[in-house]
Amino acid sequence: MATEKHIKITGISTVSWKDAIVQSISEVAKTIDYINTVKILEQTAKVNGKKIVEYYVTLDLSFTVDREREE
């Protein structure tokens, strides 16, 4: 039987929402194996004057739990 676990994370970028998504997944993948889906829950931005200065994304990542993994 396979089991999936979900975590909610927030990514931040000064470039774009896409960059925030890509960089967040890349960073999480350094410590979590078997990531298999991502759901974009929310996209927001910080505005300074007339310009977006930071892009925020809230993501729901799921990954398969490895029951055979040695601690």
PDB file of N, CA and C in Angstrom:
ATOM      1  N   MET A   1       0.839  -1.186   0.000  1.00  0.00           N
ATOM      2  CA  MET A   1       0.000   0.000   0.000  1.00  0.00           C
ATOM      3  C   MET A   1       0.877   1.240   0.000  1.00  0.00           C
ATOM      4  N   ALA A   2       0.612   2.170  -0.888  1.00  0.00           N
ATOM      5  CA  ALA A   2       1.353   3.431  -0.955  1.00  0.00           C
ATOM      6  C   ALA A   2       0.668   4.485  -0.092  1.00  0.00           C
ATOM      7  N   THR A   3       1.485   5.305   0.505  1.00  0.00           N
ATOM      8  CA  THR A   3       0.979   6.400   1.326  1.00  0.00           C
ATOM      9  C   THR A   3       1.608   7.692   0.850  1.00  0.00           C
ATOM     10  N   GLU A   4       0.784   8.732   0.709  1.00  0.00           N
ATOM     11  CA  GLU A   4       1.279  10.049   0.336  1.00  0.00           C
ATOM     12  C   GLU A   4       1.168  10.992   1.510  1.00  0.00           C
ATOM     13  N   LYS A   5       2.121  11.885   1.602  1.00  0.00           N
ATOM     14  CA  LYS A   5       2.088  12.923   2.621  1.00  0.00           C
ATOM     15  C   LYS A   5       2.060  14.266   1.901  1.00  0.00           C
ATOM     16  N   HIS A   6       1.348  15.226   2.460  1.00  0.00           N
ATOM     17  CA  HIS A   6       1.252  16.565   1.886  1.00  0.00           C
ATOM     18  C   HIS A   6       1.892  17.571   2.832  1.00  0.00           C
ATOM     19  N   ILE A   7       2.612  18.527   2.248  1.00  0.00           N
ATOM     20  CA  ILE A   7       3.127  19.641   3.030  1.00  0.00           C
ATOM     21  C   ILE A   7       2.762  20.936   2.312  1.00  0.00           C
ATOM     22  N   LYS A   8       2.560  21.962   3.084  1.00  0.00           N
ATOM     23  CA  LYS A   8       2.222  23.271   2.549  1.00  0.00           C
ATOM     24  C   LYS A   8       3.445  24.166   2.733  1.00  0.00           C
ATOM     25  N   ILE A   9       3.901  24.797   1.645  1.00  0.00           N
ATOM     26  CA  ILE A   9       5.061  25.669   1.725  1.00  0.00           C
ATOM     27  C   ILE A   9       4.756  27.000   1.039  1.00  0.00           C
ATOM     28  N   THR A  10       5.546  28.006   1.374  1.00  0.00           N
ATOM     29  CA  THR A  10       5.452  29.304   0.713  1.00  0.00           C
ATOM     30  C   THR A  10       6.798  29.623   0.088  1.00  0.00           C
ATOM     31  N   GLY A  11       6.787  29.951  -1.194  1.00  0.00           N
ATOM     32  CA  GLY A  11       7.994  30.330  -1.907  1.00  0.00           C
ATOM     33  C   GLY A  11       7.980  31.811  -2.220  1.00  0.00           C
ATOM     34  N   ILE A  12       9.164  32.413  -2.266  1.00  0.00           N
ATOM     35  CA  ILE A  12       9.287  33.845  -2.523  1.00  0.00           C
ATOM     36  C   ILE A  12      10.330  34.069  -3.608  1.00  0.00           C
ATOM     37  N   SER A  13      10.041  34.993  -4.522  1.00  0.00           N
ATOM     38  CA  SER A  13      10.978  35.349  -5.585  1.00  0.00           C
ATOM     39  C   SER A  13      10.846  36.838  -5.891  1.00  0.00           C
ATOM     40  N   THR A  14      11.935  37.422  -6.325  1.00  0.00           N
ATOM     41  CA  THR A  14      11.886  38.812  -6.804  1.00  0.00           C
ATOM     42  C   THR A  14      11.743  38.854  -8.323  1.00  0.00           C
ATOM     43  N   VAL A  15      11.679  37.677  -8.962  1.00  0.00           N
ATOM     44  CA  VAL A  15      11.623  37.590 -10.427  1.00  0.00           C
ATOM     45  C   VAL A  15      10.199  37.390 -10.937  1.00  0.00           C
ATOM     46  N   SER A  16       9.523  36.304 -10.470  1.00  0.00           N
ATOM     47  CA  SER A  16       8.183  35.974 -10.974  1.00  0.00           C
ATOM     48  C   SER A  16       7.550  34.890 -10.097  1.00  0.00           C
ATOM     49  N   TRP A  17       6.240  34.659 -10.327  1.00  0.00           N
ATOM     50  CA  TRP A  17       5.571  33.568  -9.620  1.00  0.00           C
ATOM     51  C   TRP A  17       6.146  32.230 -10.077  1.00  0.00           C
ATOM     52  N   LYS A  18       6.405  32.097 -11.371  1.00  0.00           N
ATOM     53  CA  LYS A  18       6.973  30.857 -11.877  1.00  0.00           C
ATOM     54  C   LYS A  18       8.321  30.571 -11.222  1.00  0.00           C
ATOM     55  N   ASP A  19       9.148  31.579 -11.091  1.00  0.00           N
ATOM     56  CA  ASP A  19      10.449  31.404 -10.452  1.00  0.00           C
ATOM     57  C   ASP A  19      10.274  30.982  -8.990  1.00  0.00           C
ATOM     58  N   ALA A  20       9.308  31.566  -8.306  1.00  0.00           N
ATOM     59  CA  ALA A  20       9.050  31.191  -6.909  1.00  0.00           C
ATOM     60  C   ALA A  20       8.657  29.721  -6.816  1.00  0.00           C
ATOM     61  N   ILE A  21       7.849  29.243  -7.762  1.00  0.00           N
ATOM     62  CA  ILE A  21       7.433  27.836  -7.782  1.00  0.00           C
ATOM     63  C   ILE A  21       8.628  26.931  -8.041  1.00  0.00           C
ATOM     64  N   VAL A  22       9.367  27.229  -9.103  1.00  0.00           N
ATOM     65  CA  VAL A  22      10.500  26.382  -9.501  1.00  0.00           C
ATOM     66  C   VAL A  22      11.559  26.339  -8.403  1.00  0.00           C
ATOM     67  N   GLN A  23      11.899  27.483  -7.851  1.00  0.00           N
ATOM     68  CA  GLN A  23      12.933  27.536  -6.810  1.00  0.00           C
ATOM     69  C   GLN A  23      12.481  26.827  -5.530  1.00  0.00           C
ATOM     70  N   SER A  24      11.211  26.950  -5.179  1.00  0.00           N
ATOM     71  CA  SER A  24      10.686  26.285  -3.976  1.00  0.00           C
ATOM     72  C   SER A  24      10.753  24.771  -4.108  1.00  0.00           C
ATOM     73  N   ILE A  25      10.321  24.254  -5.252  1.00  0.00           N
ATOM     74  CA  ILE A  25      10.364  22.813  -5.472  1.00  0.00           C
ATOM     75  C   ILE A  25      11.807  22.319  -5.466  1.00  0.00           C
ATOM     76  N   SER A  26      12.688  23.060  -6.096  1.00  0.00           N
ATOM     77  CA  SER A  26      14.102  22.687  -6.121  1.00  0.00           C
ATOM     78  C   SER A  26      14.693  22.637  -4.713  1.00  0.00           C
ATOM     79  N   GLU A  27      14.334  23.598  -3.883  1.00  0.00           N
ATOM     80  CA  GLU A  27      14.857  23.652  -2.514  1.00  0.00           C
ATOM     81  C   GLU A  27      14.297  22.511  -1.662  1.00  0.00           C
ATOM     82  N   VAL A  28      13.004  22.255  -1.765  1.00  0.00           N
ATOM     83  CA  VAL A  28      12.387  21.173  -0.998  1.00  0.00           C
ATOM     84  C   VAL A  28      12.944  19.813  -1.421  1.00  0.00           C
ATOM     85  N   ALA A  29      13.211  19.652  -2.707  1.00  0.00           N
ATOM     86  CA  ALA A  29      13.716  18.383  -3.227  1.00  0.00           C
ATOM     87  C   ALA A  29      15.098  18.022  -2.667  1.00  0.00           C
ATOM     88  N   LYS A  30      15.777  18.985  -2.076  1.00  0.00           N
ATOM     89  CA  LYS A  30      17.077  18.706  -1.462  1.00  0.00           C
ATOM     90  C   LYS A  30      16.933  17.850  -0.203  1.00  0.00           C
ATOM     91  N   THR A  31      15.774  17.916   0.445  1.00  0.00           N
ATOM     92  CA  THR A  31      15.576  17.178   1.703  1.00  0.00           C
ATOM     93  C   THR A  31      14.410  16.202   1.684  1.00  0.00           C
ATOM     94  N   ILE A  32      13.576  16.244   0.653  1.00  0.00           N
ATOM     95  CA  ILE A  32      12.428  15.334   0.566  1.00  0.00           C
ATOM     96  C   ILE A  32      12.494  14.569  -0.745  1.00  0.00           C
ATOM     97  N   ASP A  33      12.444  13.244  -0.644  1.00  0.00           N
ATOM     98  CA  ASP A  33      12.460  12.383  -1.821  1.00  0.00           C
ATOM     99  C   ASP A  33      11.039  12.087  -2.291  1.00  0.00           C
ATOM    100  N   TYR A  34      10.922  11.645  -3.517  1.00  0.00           N
ATOM    101  CA  TYR A  34       9.678  11.140  -4.099  1.00  0.00           C
ATOM    102  C   TYR A  34       8.558  12.180  -4.207  1.00  0.00           C
ATOM    103  N   ILE A  35       8.903  13.440  -4.450  1.00  0.00           N
ATOM    104  CA  ILE A  35       7.871  14.448  -4.689  1.00  0.00           C
ATOM    105  C   ILE A  35       7.168  14.075  -5.987  1.00  0.00           C
ATOM    106  N   ASN A  36       5.823  14.041  -5.941  1.00  0.00           N
ATOM    107  CA  ASN A  36       5.124  13.625  -7.157  1.00  0.00           C
ATOM    108  C   ASN A  36       4.058  14.589  -7.657  1.00  0.00           C
ATOM    109  N   THR A  37       3.553  15.485  -6.821  1.00  0.00           N
ATOM    110  CA  THR A  37       2.599  16.483  -7.319  1.00  0.00           C
ATOM    111  C   THR A  37       2.802  17.811  -6.600  1.00  0.00           C
ATOM    112  N   VAL A  38       2.399  18.856  -7.294  1.00  0.00           N
ATOM    113  CA  VAL A  38       2.374  20.188  -6.694  1.00  0.00           C
ATOM    114  C   VAL A  38       1.054  20.843  -7.092  1.00  0.00           C
ATOM    115  N   LYS A  39       0.430  21.477  -6.119  1.00  0.00           N
ATOM    116  CA  LYS A  39      -0.806  22.211  -6.376  1.00  0.00           C
ATOM    117  C   LYS A  39      -0.574  23.649  -5.930  1.00  0.00           C
ATOM    118  N   ILE A  40      -0.834  24.581  -6.833  1.00  0.00           N
ATOM    119  CA  ILE A  40      -0.676  25.992  -6.499  1.00  0.00           C
ATOM    120  C   ILE A  40      -1.950  26.444  -5.788  1.00  0.00           C
ATOM    121  N   LEU A  41      -1.807  26.786  -4.519  1.00  0.00           N
ATOM    122  CA  LEU A  41      -2.959  27.171  -3.716  1.00  0.00           C
ATOM    123  C   LEU A  41      -3.248  28.666  -3.805  1.00  0.00           C
ATOM    124  N   GLU A  42      -2.180  29.468  -3.859  1.00  0.00           N
ATOM    125  CA  GLU A  42      -2.368  30.915  -3.829  1.00  0.00           C
ATOM    126  C   GLU A  42      -1.154  31.618  -4.430  1.00  0.00           C
ATOM    127  N   GLN A  43      -1.401  32.712  -5.119  1.00  0.00           N
ATOM    128  CA  GLN A  43      -0.344  33.566  -5.621  1.00  0.00           C
ATOM    129  C   GLN A  43      -0.631  34.987  -5.147  1.00  0.00           C
ATOM    130  N   THR A  44       0.343  35.597  -4.482  1.00  0.00           N
ATOM    131  CA  THR A  44       0.202  36.974  -4.025  1.00  0.00           C
ATOM    132  C   THR A  44       1.501  37.714  -4.333  1.00  0.00           C
ATOM    133  N   ALA A  45       1.481  39.022  -4.139  1.00  0.00           N
ATOM    134  CA  ALA A  45       2.679  39.810  -4.419  1.00  0.00           C
ATOM    135  C   ALA A  45       2.759  41.006  -3.485  1.00  0.00           C
ATOM    136  N   LYS A  46       3.979  41.451  -3.262  1.00  0.00           N
ATOM    137  CA  LYS A  46       4.231  42.670  -2.499  1.00  0.00           C
ATOM    138  C   LYS A  46       4.486  43.779  -3.517  1.00  0.00           C
ATOM    139  N   VAL A  47       3.806  44.887  -3.364  1.00  0.00           N
ATOM    140  CA  VAL A  47       3.914  45.995  -4.305  1.00  0.00           C
ATOM    141  C   VAL A  47       4.561  47.185  -3.613  1.00  0.00           C
ATOM    142  N   ASN A  48       5.476  47.825  -4.319  1.00  0.00           N
ATOM    143  CA  ASN A  48       6.114  49.046  -3.840  1.00  0.00           C
ATOM    144  C   ASN A  48       5.897  50.100  -4.915  1.00  0.00           C
ATOM    145  N   GLY A  49       5.060  51.066  -4.624  1.00  0.00           N
ATOM    146  CA  GLY A  49       4.693  52.055  -5.641  1.00  0.00           C
ATOM    147  C   GLY A  49       3.836  51.413  -6.701  1.00  0.00           C
ATOM    148  N   LYS A  50       4.301  51.399  -7.927  1.00  0.00           N
ATOM    149  CA  LYS A  50       3.556  50.790  -9.040  1.00  0.00           C
ATOM    150  C   LYS A  50       4.203  49.498  -9.522  1.00  0.00           C
ATOM    151  N   LYS A  51       5.131  48.965  -8.738  1.00  0.00           N
ATOM    152  CA  LYS A  51       5.899  47.814  -9.195  1.00  0.00           C
ATOM    153  C   LYS A  51       5.821  46.652  -8.195  1.00  0.00           C
ATOM    154  N   ILE A  52       5.692  45.435  -8.730  1.00  0.00           N
ATOM    155  CA  ILE A  52       5.771  44.240  -7.890  1.00  0.00           C
ATOM    156  C   ILE A  52       7.230  44.017  -7.522  1.00  0.00           C
ATOM    157  N   VAL A  53       7.494  43.907  -6.214  1.00  0.00           N
ATOM    158  CA  VAL A  53       8.881  43.714  -5.774  1.00  0.00           C
ATOM    159  C   VAL A  53       9.145  42.309  -5.242  1.00  0.00           C
ATOM    160  N   GLU A  54       8.087  41.587  -4.851  1.00  0.00           N
ATOM    161  CA  GLU A  54       8.228  40.192  -4.426  1.00  0.00           C
ATOM    162  C   GLU A  54       6.987  39.412  -4.819  1.00  0.00           C
ATOM    163  N   TYR A  55       7.229  38.189  -5.274  1.00  0.00           N
ATOM    164  CA  TYR A  55       6.161  37.280  -5.672  1.00  0.00           C
ATOM    165  C   TYR A  55       6.101  36.145  -4.658  1.00  0.00           C
ATOM    166  N   TYR A  56       4.903  35.839  -4.171  1.00  0.00           N
ATOM    167  CA  TYR A  56       4.714  34.772  -3.192  1.00  0.00           C
ATOM    168  C   TYR A  56       3.806  33.695  -3.768  1.00  0.00           C
ATOM    169  N   VAL A  57       4.156  32.442  -3.536  1.00  0.00           N
ATOM    170  CA  VAL A  57       3.290  31.327  -3.918  1.00  0.00           C
ATOM    171  C   VAL A  57       3.134  30.395  -2.723  1.00  0.00           C
ATOM    172  N   THR A  58       1.923  29.945  -2.514  1.00  0.00           N
ATOM    173  CA  THR A  58       1.666  28.922  -1.507  1.00  0.00           C
ATOM    174  C   THR A  58       1.376  27.633  -2.253  1.00  0.00           C
ATOM    175  N   LEU A  59       2.141  26.596  -1.932  1.00  0.00           N
ATOM    176  CA  LEU A  59       2.066  25.330  -2.652  1.00  0.00           C
ATOM    177  C   LEU A  59       1.702  24.185  -1.724  1.00  0.00           C
ATOM    178  N   ASP A  60       0.968  23.222  -2.254  1.00  0.00           N
ATOM    179  CA  ASP A  60       0.713  21.951  -1.574  1.00  0.00           C
ATOM    180  C   ASP A  60       1.521  20.902  -2.332  1.00  0.00           C
ATOM    181  N   LEU A  61       2.579  20.413  -1.700  1.00  0.00           N
ATOM    182  CA  LEU A  61       3.420  19.383  -2.313  1.00  0.00           C
ATOM    183  C   LEU A  61       3.058  18.034  -1.727  1.00  0.00           C
ATOM    184  N   SER A  62       3.005  17.016  -2.570  1.00  0.00           N
ATOM    185  CA  SER A  62       2.787  15.662  -2.052  1.00  0.00           C
ATOM    186  C   SER A  62       3.962  14.791  -2.441  1.00  0.00           C
ATOM    187  N   PHE A  63       4.258  13.849  -1.569  1.00  0.00           N
ATOM    188  CA  PHE A  63       5.336  12.912  -1.841  1.00  0.00           C
ATOM    189  C   PHE A  63       4.973  11.560  -1.260  1.00  0.00           C
ATOM    190  N   THR A  64       5.545  10.518  -1.849  1.00  0.00           N
ATOM    191  CA  THR A  64       5.286   9.158  -1.416  1.00  0.00           C
ATOM    192  C   THR A  64       6.148   8.829  -0.205  1.00  0.00           C
ATOM    193  N   VAL A  65       5.533   8.241   0.802  1.00  0.00           N
ATOM    194  CA  VAL A  65       6.253   7.825   2.002  1.00  0.00           C
ATOM    195  C   VAL A  65       6.972   6.517   1.690  1.00  0.00           C
ATOM    196  N   ASP A  66       8.262   6.480   1.957  1.00  0.00           N
ATOM    197  CA  ASP A  66       9.082   5.291   1.711  1.00  0.00           C
ATOM    198  C   ASP A  66       9.154   4.462   2.984  1.00  0.00           C
ATOM    199  N   ARG A  67       8.363   3.420   3.050  1.00  0.00           N
ATOM    200  CA  ARG A  67       8.321   2.565   4.250  1.00  0.00           C
ATOM    201  C   ARG A  67       9.583   1.727   4.419  1.00  0.00           C
ATOM    202  N   GLU A  68      10.349   1.563   3.354  1.00  0.00           N
ATOM    203  CA  GLU A  68      11.570   0.741   3.395  1.00  0.00           C
ATOM    204  C   GLU A  68      12.807   1.560   3.741  1.00  0.00           C
ATOM    205  N   ARG A  69      12.656   2.836   3.894  1.00  0.00           N
ATOM    206  CA  ARG A  69      13.787   3.725   4.131  1.00  0.00           C
ATOM    207  C   ARG A  69      14.434   3.434   5.481  1.00  0.00           C
ATOM    208  N   GLU A  70      15.749   3.374   5.479  1.00  0.00           N
ATOM    209  CA  GLU A  70      16.489   3.157   6.724  1.00  0.00           C
ATOM    210  C   GLU A  70      16.719   4.503   7.385  1.00  0.00           C
ATOM    211  N   GLU A  71      16.615   4.514   8.693  1.00  0.00           N
ATOM    212  CA  GLU A  71      16.814   5.763   9.430  1.00  0.00           C
ATOM    213  C   GLU A  71      18.259   5.998   9.749  1.00  0.00           C
TER     214      GLU A  71
END
